[in-house]
Amino acid sequence: VCVENCNRSQMAEAFARIFGGEQVEAYSAGCRPLGWVHQKAVEAMRELGYDLTAHQSKSLADLPDVEFDVAVTMGCGDPDLPIRANVREDWNVPCPKAMSPEEFRAVRDLIGEKVKALLERLSSDLVR
């Protein structure tokens, strides 16, 4: 979850789908959604072979009525989401929409690293 659901959480959802494959069901939303996915995010993910054009900017109310395993926020506070094991993380990731393409890619890569690390932690917890 990020504020506008146009950059950070959209890329996080994409990375969760890339790294998690069929084992992960990922959703993104915003506490104040912009209504569209930023073109910089589309371009940045296209560079990695992922098509964000099928994604839509969503609000928390647009999320499915399910219990989530994990909630990750980026600047959106602590949204009231039903979380199974109360696993919540807040990632200090800056909003990249006003950044240069190089800085935007750095934020994209940071989000990718954080998603990958989270999935690895969750996977190792399941093995225990």
N, C-alpha and C. Protein backbone atom coordinates (compact mmCIF):
# COMPACT_ATOMS: atom_id res chain seq x y z
N VAL A 1 0.86 -1.17 0.00
CA VAL A 1 0.00 0.00 0.00
C VAL A 1 0.90 1.23 0.00
N CYS A 2 0.66 2.13 -0.94
CA CYS A 2 1.33 3.43 -0.92
C CYS A 2 0.25 4.50 -1.00
N VAL A 3 0.64 5.72 -1.12
CA VAL A 3 -0.34 6.81 -1.07
C VAL A 3 -1.20 6.83 -2.34
N GLU A 4 -0.58 6.97 -3.50
CA GLU A 4 -1.35 7.17 -4.73
C GLU A 4 -1.56 5.91 -5.56
N ASN A 5 -0.93 4.82 -5.23
CA ASN A 5 -1.02 3.57 -5.97
C ASN A 5 -0.75 3.80 -7.46
N CYS A 6 0.28 4.59 -7.73
CA CYS A 6 0.62 4.83 -9.13
C CYS A 6 2.07 4.45 -9.43
N ASN A 7 2.89 4.22 -8.40
CA ASN A 7 4.30 3.90 -8.60
C ASN A 7 4.77 2.75 -7.70
N ARG A 8 5.04 3.08 -6.44
CA ARG A 8 5.71 2.15 -5.53
C ARG A 8 4.95 0.86 -5.32
N SER A 9 3.70 0.94 -4.90
CA SER A 9 2.97 -0.30 -4.63
C SER A 9 2.66 -1.07 -5.91
N GLN A 10 2.52 -0.36 -7.02
CA GLN A 10 2.32 -1.04 -8.30
C GLN A 10 3.56 -1.87 -8.65
N MET A 11 4.74 -1.28 -8.46
CA MET A 11 5.98 -2.02 -8.75
C MET A 11 6.16 -3.15 -7.75
N ALA A 12 5.80 -2.93 -6.49
CA ALA A 12 5.92 -4.00 -5.49
C ALA A 12 5.02 -5.18 -5.85
N GLU A 13 3.80 -4.89 -6.27
CA GLU A 13 2.90 -5.96 -6.71
C GLU A 13 3.51 -6.72 -7.88
N ALA A 14 4.06 -5.99 -8.83
CA ALA A 14 4.69 -6.63 -9.99
C ALA A 14 5.85 -7.52 -9.56
N PHE A 15 6.71 -7.02 -8.69
CA PHE A 15 7.84 -7.83 -8.23
C PHE A 15 7.36 -9.06 -7.46
N ALA A 16 6.31 -8.92 -6.68
CA ALA A 16 5.78 -10.09 -5.95
C ALA A 16 5.30 -11.14 -6.94
N ARG A 17 4.69 -10.72 -8.02
CA ARG A 17 4.23 -11.66 -9.04
C ARG A 17 5.42 -12.28 -9.78
N ILE A 18 6.44 -11.46 -10.06
CA ILE A 18 7.63 -11.96 -10.76
C ILE A 18 8.36 -12.98 -9.90
N PHE A 19 8.67 -12.61 -8.65
CA PHE A 19 9.48 -13.46 -7.79
C PHE A 19 8.68 -14.59 -7.14
N GLY A 20 7.40 -14.36 -6.91
CA GLY A 20 6.58 -15.36 -6.23
C GLY A 20 5.88 -16.33 -7.14
N GLY A 21 5.76 -15.97 -8.41
CA GLY A 21 5.09 -16.86 -9.36
C GLY A 21 3.68 -17.19 -8.92
N GLU A 22 3.30 -18.43 -9.14
CA GLU A 22 1.95 -18.88 -8.81
C GLU A 22 1.75 -19.09 -7.31
N GLN A 23 2.82 -19.05 -6.53
CA GLN A 23 2.71 -19.25 -5.09
C GLN A 23 2.28 -17.99 -4.35
N VAL A 24 2.30 -16.85 -5.04
CA VAL A 24 2.00 -15.58 -4.39
C VAL A 24 0.84 -14.90 -5.10
N GLU A 25 -0.10 -14.44 -4.31
CA GLU A 25 -1.20 -13.62 -4.82
C GLU A 25 -0.98 -12.22 -4.25
N ALA A 26 -0.68 -11.28 -5.10
CA ALA A 26 -0.30 -9.94 -4.64
C ALA A 26 -1.31 -8.91 -5.11
N TYR A 27 -1.52 -7.90 -4.27
CA TYR A 27 -2.42 -6.80 -4.58
C TYR A 27 -1.74 -5.51 -4.17
N SER A 28 -2.07 -4.45 -4.87
CA SER A 28 -1.59 -3.14 -4.45
C SER A 28 -2.79 -2.20 -4.36
N ALA A 29 -2.62 -1.17 -3.54
CA ALA A 29 -3.68 -0.18 -3.37
C ALA A 29 -3.06 1.09 -2.81
N GLY A 30 -3.85 2.14 -2.79
CA GLY A 30 -3.40 3.40 -2.25
C GLY A 30 -4.42 3.98 -1.29
N CYS A 31 -3.93 4.74 -0.31
CA CYS A 31 -4.86 5.37 0.63
C CYS A 31 -5.52 6.59 -0.02
N ARG A 32 -4.86 7.16 -1.02
CA ARG A 32 -5.45 8.25 -1.84
C ARG A 32 -5.05 7.99 -3.29
N PRO A 33 -5.67 6.98 -3.93
CA PRO A 33 -5.23 6.57 -5.27
C PRO A 33 -5.36 7.69 -6.31
N LEU A 34 -4.39 7.73 -7.18
CA LEU A 34 -4.34 8.73 -8.23
C LEU A 34 -5.33 8.43 -9.35
N GLY A 35 -5.60 7.15 -9.56
CA GLY A 35 -6.54 6.76 -10.62
C GLY A 35 -5.87 6.23 -11.87
N TRP A 36 -4.55 6.29 -11.91
CA TRP A 36 -3.81 5.76 -13.06
C TRP A 36 -2.39 5.40 -12.61
N VAL A 37 -1.77 4.51 -13.37
CA VAL A 37 -0.40 4.10 -13.10
C VAL A 37 0.53 5.05 -13.84
N HIS A 38 1.51 5.59 -13.13
CA HIS A 38 2.42 6.58 -13.69
C HIS A 38 3.23 5.97 -14.83
N GLN A 39 3.39 6.73 -15.90
CA GLN A 39 4.12 6.26 -17.08
C GLN A 39 5.57 5.89 -16.74
N LYS A 40 6.18 6.59 -15.80
CA LYS A 40 7.56 6.25 -15.40
C LYS A 40 7.63 4.84 -14.81
N ALA A 41 6.61 4.46 -14.05
CA ALA A 41 6.58 3.11 -13.49
C ALA A 41 6.40 2.08 -14.60
N VAL A 42 5.51 2.39 -15.54
CA VAL A 42 5.30 1.48 -16.68
C VAL A 42 6.61 1.28 -17.43
N GLU A 43 7.30 2.38 -17.72
CA GLU A 43 8.56 2.30 -18.46
C GLU A 43 9.64 1.57 -17.68
N ALA A 44 9.73 1.86 -16.38
CA ALA A 44 10.77 1.22 -15.56
C ALA A 44 10.56 -0.29 -15.47
N MET A 45 9.31 -0.72 -15.35
CA MET A 45 9.06 -2.16 -15.26
C MET A 45 9.17 -2.82 -16.64
N ARG A 46 8.86 -2.08 -17.69
CA ARG A 46 9.01 -2.61 -19.05
C ARG A 46 10.48 -2.96 -19.30
N GLU A 47 11.39 -2.15 -18.76
CA GLU A 47 12.82 -2.42 -18.90
C GLU A 47 13.20 -3.79 -18.33
N LEU A 48 12.40 -4.27 -17.38
CA LEU A 48 12.66 -5.58 -16.76
C LEU A 48 11.79 -6.68 -17.37
N GLY A 49 11.02 -6.32 -18.39
CA GLY A 49 10.19 -7.32 -19.06
C GLY A 49 8.81 -7.50 -18.46
N TYR A 50 8.37 -6.58 -17.60
CA TYR A 50 7.04 -6.70 -16.98
C TYR A 50 6.14 -5.59 -17.53
N ASP A 51 4.91 -5.95 -17.90
CA ASP A 51 3.97 -5.00 -18.47
C ASP A 51 3.00 -4.50 -17.40
N LEU A 52 3.19 -3.26 -16.97
CA LEU A 52 2.31 -2.66 -15.97
C LEU A 52 1.06 -2.03 -16.58
N THR A 53 0.93 -2.04 -17.90
CA THR A 53 -0.22 -1.37 -18.52
C THR A 53 -1.54 -2.06 -18.18
N ALA A 54 -1.50 -3.30 -17.76
CA ALA A 54 -2.73 -4.00 -17.38
C ALA A 54 -3.14 -3.66 -15.94
N HIS A 55 -2.25 -3.03 -15.18
CA HIS A 55 -2.55 -2.66 -13.79
C HIS A 55 -3.42 -1.41 -13.75
N GLN A 56 -4.20 -1.28 -12.68
CA GLN A 56 -5.02 -0.10 -12.47
C GLN A 56 -4.76 0.43 -11.07
N SER A 57 -4.81 1.73 -10.92
CA SER A 57 -4.68 2.36 -9.61
C SER A 57 -5.94 2.08 -8.81
N LYS A 58 -5.76 1.56 -7.58
CA LYS A 58 -6.89 1.12 -6.77
C LYS A 58 -6.83 1.72 -5.37
N SER A 59 -8.00 1.80 -4.75
CA SER A 59 -8.07 2.23 -3.35
C SER A 59 -8.10 1.00 -2.46
N LEU A 60 -7.96 1.21 -1.17
CA LEU A 60 -8.06 0.10 -0.22
C LEU A 60 -9.42 -0.58 -0.32
N ALA A 61 -10.47 0.18 -0.63
CA ALA A 61 -11.81 -0.39 -0.76
C ALA A 61 -11.93 -1.32 -1.96
N ASP A 62 -11.02 -1.20 -2.92
CA ASP A 62 -11.04 -2.05 -4.11
C ASP A 62 -10.38 -3.41 -3.90
N LEU A 63 -9.69 -3.57 -2.77
CA LEU A 63 -9.03 -4.85 -2.49
C LEU A 63 -10.07 -5.93 -2.24
N PRO A 64 -9.74 -7.18 -2.54
CA PRO A 64 -10.70 -8.26 -2.27
C PRO A 64 -10.97 -8.40 -0.78
N ASP A 65 -12.11 -8.91 -0.45
CA ASP A 65 -12.51 -9.12 0.95
C ASP A 65 -11.93 -10.44 1.44
N VAL A 66 -10.63 -10.43 1.74
CA VAL A 66 -9.91 -11.61 2.21
C VAL A 66 -9.02 -11.22 3.37
N GLU A 67 -8.52 -12.23 4.06
CA GLU A 67 -7.50 -12.00 5.08
C GLU A 67 -6.15 -12.11 4.40
N PHE A 68 -5.32 -11.10 4.56
CA PHE A 68 -4.02 -11.08 3.93
C PHE A 68 -2.98 -11.71 4.86
N ASP A 69 -1.95 -12.28 4.28
CA ASP A 69 -0.85 -12.83 5.07
C ASP A 69 0.10 -11.74 5.54
N VAL A 70 0.28 -10.72 4.71
CA VAL A 70 1.24 -9.65 4.99
C VAL A 70 0.69 -8.34 4.42
N ALA A 71 0.96 -7.25 5.11
CA ALA A 71 0.67 -5.92 4.57
C ALA A 71 1.95 -5.10 4.63
N VAL A 72 2.29 -4.51 3.51
CA VAL A 72 3.46 -3.64 3.43
C VAL A 72 2.97 -2.25 3.05
N THR A 73 3.42 -1.26 3.80
CA THR A 73 3.04 0.11 3.50
C THR A 73 4.29 0.92 3.13
N MET A 74 4.04 1.95 2.34
CA MET A 74 5.10 2.88 1.95
C MET A 74 4.51 4.28 1.99
N GLY A 75 4.51 4.88 3.17
CA GLY A 75 4.04 6.24 3.32
C GLY A 75 2.55 6.40 3.52
N CYS A 76 1.86 5.31 3.77
CA CYS A 76 0.39 5.37 3.86
C CYS A 76 -0.11 5.09 5.27
N GLY A 77 0.77 5.15 6.25
CA GLY A 77 0.33 4.88 7.61
C GLY A 77 0.04 3.41 7.84
N ASP A 78 -0.93 3.14 8.69
CA ASP A 78 -1.29 1.77 9.06
C ASP A 78 -2.74 1.51 8.68
N PRO A 79 -2.98 1.13 7.42
CA PRO A 79 -4.36 0.93 6.99
C PRO A 79 -5.02 -0.23 7.73
N ASP A 80 -6.30 -0.13 7.89
CA ASP A 80 -7.08 -1.16 8.57
C ASP A 80 -7.36 -2.30 7.60
N LEU A 81 -6.46 -3.27 7.57
CA LEU A 81 -6.60 -4.43 6.70
C LEU A 81 -6.65 -5.69 7.53
N PRO A 82 -7.48 -6.66 7.14
CA PRO A 82 -7.49 -7.93 7.86
C PRO A 82 -6.25 -8.75 7.52
N ILE A 83 -5.39 -8.92 8.51
CA ILE A 83 -4.12 -9.62 8.29
C ILE A 83 -4.05 -10.83 9.21
N ARG A 84 -3.90 -11.99 8.60
CA ARG A 84 -3.93 -13.27 9.30
C ARG A 84 -3.00 -13.33 10.50
N ALA A 85 -1.72 -13.12 10.29
CA ALA A 85 -0.74 -13.25 11.37
C ALA A 85 -0.22 -11.89 11.83
N ASN A 86 -0.92 -10.84 11.46
CA ASN A 86 -0.55 -9.47 11.83
C ASN A 86 0.89 -9.13 11.43
N VAL A 87 1.31 -9.61 10.26
CA VAL A 87 2.63 -9.28 9.74
C VAL A 87 2.48 -8.00 8.93
N ARG A 88 3.05 -6.94 9.48
CA ARG A 88 3.00 -5.62 8.84
C ARG A 88 4.40 -5.07 8.76
N GLU A 89 4.71 -4.46 7.65
CA GLU A 89 6.00 -3.81 7.48
C GLU A 89 5.76 -2.45 6.86
N ASP A 90 6.55 -1.47 7.27
CA ASP A 90 6.52 -0.16 6.65
C ASP A 90 7.88 0.07 6.03
N TRP A 91 7.91 0.22 4.73
CA TRP A 91 9.17 0.42 4.02
C TRP A 91 9.37 1.90 3.76
N ASN A 92 10.52 2.41 4.15
CA ASN A 92 10.86 3.80 3.94
C ASN A 92 11.42 3.95 2.52
N VAL A 93 10.49 4.01 1.56
CA VAL A 93 10.84 4.12 0.15
C VAL A 93 10.26 5.43 -0.37
N PRO A 94 11.10 6.32 -0.88
CA PRO A 94 10.59 7.62 -1.34
C PRO A 94 9.72 7.47 -2.58
N CYS A 95 8.75 8.36 -2.72
CA CYS A 95 7.93 8.39 -3.92
C CYS A 95 8.80 8.88 -5.07
N PRO A 96 8.92 8.09 -6.13
CA PRO A 96 9.87 8.45 -7.19
C PRO A 96 9.29 9.27 -8.34
N LYS A 97 8.02 9.64 -8.30
CA LYS A 97 7.39 10.20 -9.50
C LYS A 97 8.06 11.47 -10.01
N ALA A 98 8.69 12.26 -9.15
CA ALA A 98 9.35 13.48 -9.61
C ALA A 98 10.85 13.28 -9.84
N MET A 99 11.31 12.06 -9.73
CA MET A 99 12.75 11.78 -9.85
C MET A 99 13.16 11.61 -11.31
N SER A 100 14.46 11.74 -11.53
CA SER A 100 15.03 11.48 -12.85
C SER A 100 14.88 9.99 -13.16
N PRO A 101 14.98 9.59 -14.42
CA PRO A 101 14.89 8.16 -14.75
C PRO A 101 15.89 7.30 -13.98
N GLU A 102 17.11 7.80 -13.78
CA GLU A 102 18.12 7.02 -13.06
C GLU A 102 17.71 6.83 -11.60
N GLU A 103 17.25 7.92 -10.97
CA GLU A 103 16.80 7.83 -9.58
C GLU A 103 15.57 6.93 -9.47
N PHE A 104 14.67 7.05 -10.44
CA PHE A 104 13.47 6.21 -10.45
C PHE A 104 13.86 4.73 -10.50
N ARG A 105 14.81 4.40 -11.38
CA ARG A 105 15.27 3.00 -11.47
C ARG A 105 15.86 2.53 -10.14
N ALA A 106 16.57 3.41 -9.45
CA ALA A 106 17.15 3.04 -8.16
C ALA A 106 16.03 2.70 -7.15
N VAL A 107 14.96 3.48 -7.15
CA VAL A 107 13.82 3.19 -6.27
C VAL A 107 13.16 1.88 -6.70
N ARG A 108 12.99 1.70 -8.00
CA ARG A 108 12.43 0.45 -8.52
C ARG A 108 13.25 -0.74 -8.03
N ASP A 109 14.56 -0.64 -8.17
CA ASP A 109 15.44 -1.74 -7.77
C ASP A 109 15.39 -1.98 -6.26
N LEU A 110 15.30 -0.90 -5.47
CA LEU A 110 15.17 -1.03 -4.02
C LEU A 110 13.89 -1.78 -3.67
N ILE A 111 12.79 -1.44 -4.32
CA ILE A 111 11.53 -2.14 -4.07
C ILE A 111 11.67 -3.61 -4.45
N GLY A 112 12.30 -3.88 -5.57
CA GLY A 112 12.52 -5.27 -5.99
C GLY A 112 13.31 -6.06 -4.96
N GLU A 113 14.36 -5.45 -4.43
CA GLU A 113 15.18 -6.11 -3.41
C GLU A 113 14.37 -6.37 -2.15
N LYS A 114 13.56 -5.40 -1.73
CA LYS A 114 12.76 -5.56 -0.52
C LYS A 114 11.69 -6.64 -0.70
N VAL A 115 11.07 -6.68 -1.86
CA VAL A 115 10.07 -7.72 -2.13
C VAL A 115 10.72 -9.10 -2.11
N LYS A 116 11.85 -9.21 -2.78
CA LYS A 116 12.55 -10.50 -2.83
C LYS A 116 12.95 -10.96 -1.43
N ALA A 117 13.48 -10.06 -0.62
CA ALA A 117 13.88 -10.40 0.75
C ALA A 117 12.66 -10.81 1.59
N LEU A 118 11.56 -10.10 1.43
CA LEU A 118 10.34 -10.45 2.17
C LEU A 118 9.85 -11.84 1.78
N LEU A 119 9.81 -12.12 0.49
CA LEU A 119 9.36 -13.44 0.05
C LEU A 119 10.29 -14.55 0.54
N GLU A 120 11.59 -14.27 0.56
CA GLU A 120 12.54 -15.27 1.08
C GLU A 120 12.31 -15.51 2.57
N ARG A 121 12.07 -14.44 3.35
CA ARG A 121 11.79 -14.60 4.78
C ARG A 121 10.51 -15.38 5.00
N LEU A 122 9.48 -15.06 4.25
CA LEU A 122 8.21 -15.77 4.40
C LEU A 122 8.35 -17.23 4.03
N SER A 123 9.10 -17.49 2.98
CA SER A 123 9.32 -18.87 2.52
C SER A 123 10.08 -19.67 3.58
N SER A 124 11.12 -19.07 4.18
CA SER A 124 11.89 -19.79 5.20
C SER A 124 11.05 -20.00 6.45
N ASP A 125 10.15 -19.07 6.76
CA ASP A 125 9.27 -19.25 7.92
C ASP A 125 8.31 -20.41 7.72
N LEU A 126 7.88 -20.61 6.48
CA LEU A 126 6.96 -21.71 6.18
C LEU A 126 7.65 -23.07 6.28
N VAL A 127 8.96 -23.10 6.00
CA VAL A 127 9.72 -24.34 6.02
C VAL A 127 9.93 -24.81 7.46
N ARG A 128 10.00 -23.87 8.39
CA ARG A 128 10.29 -24.21 9.80
C ARG A 128 9.19 -25.00 10.42
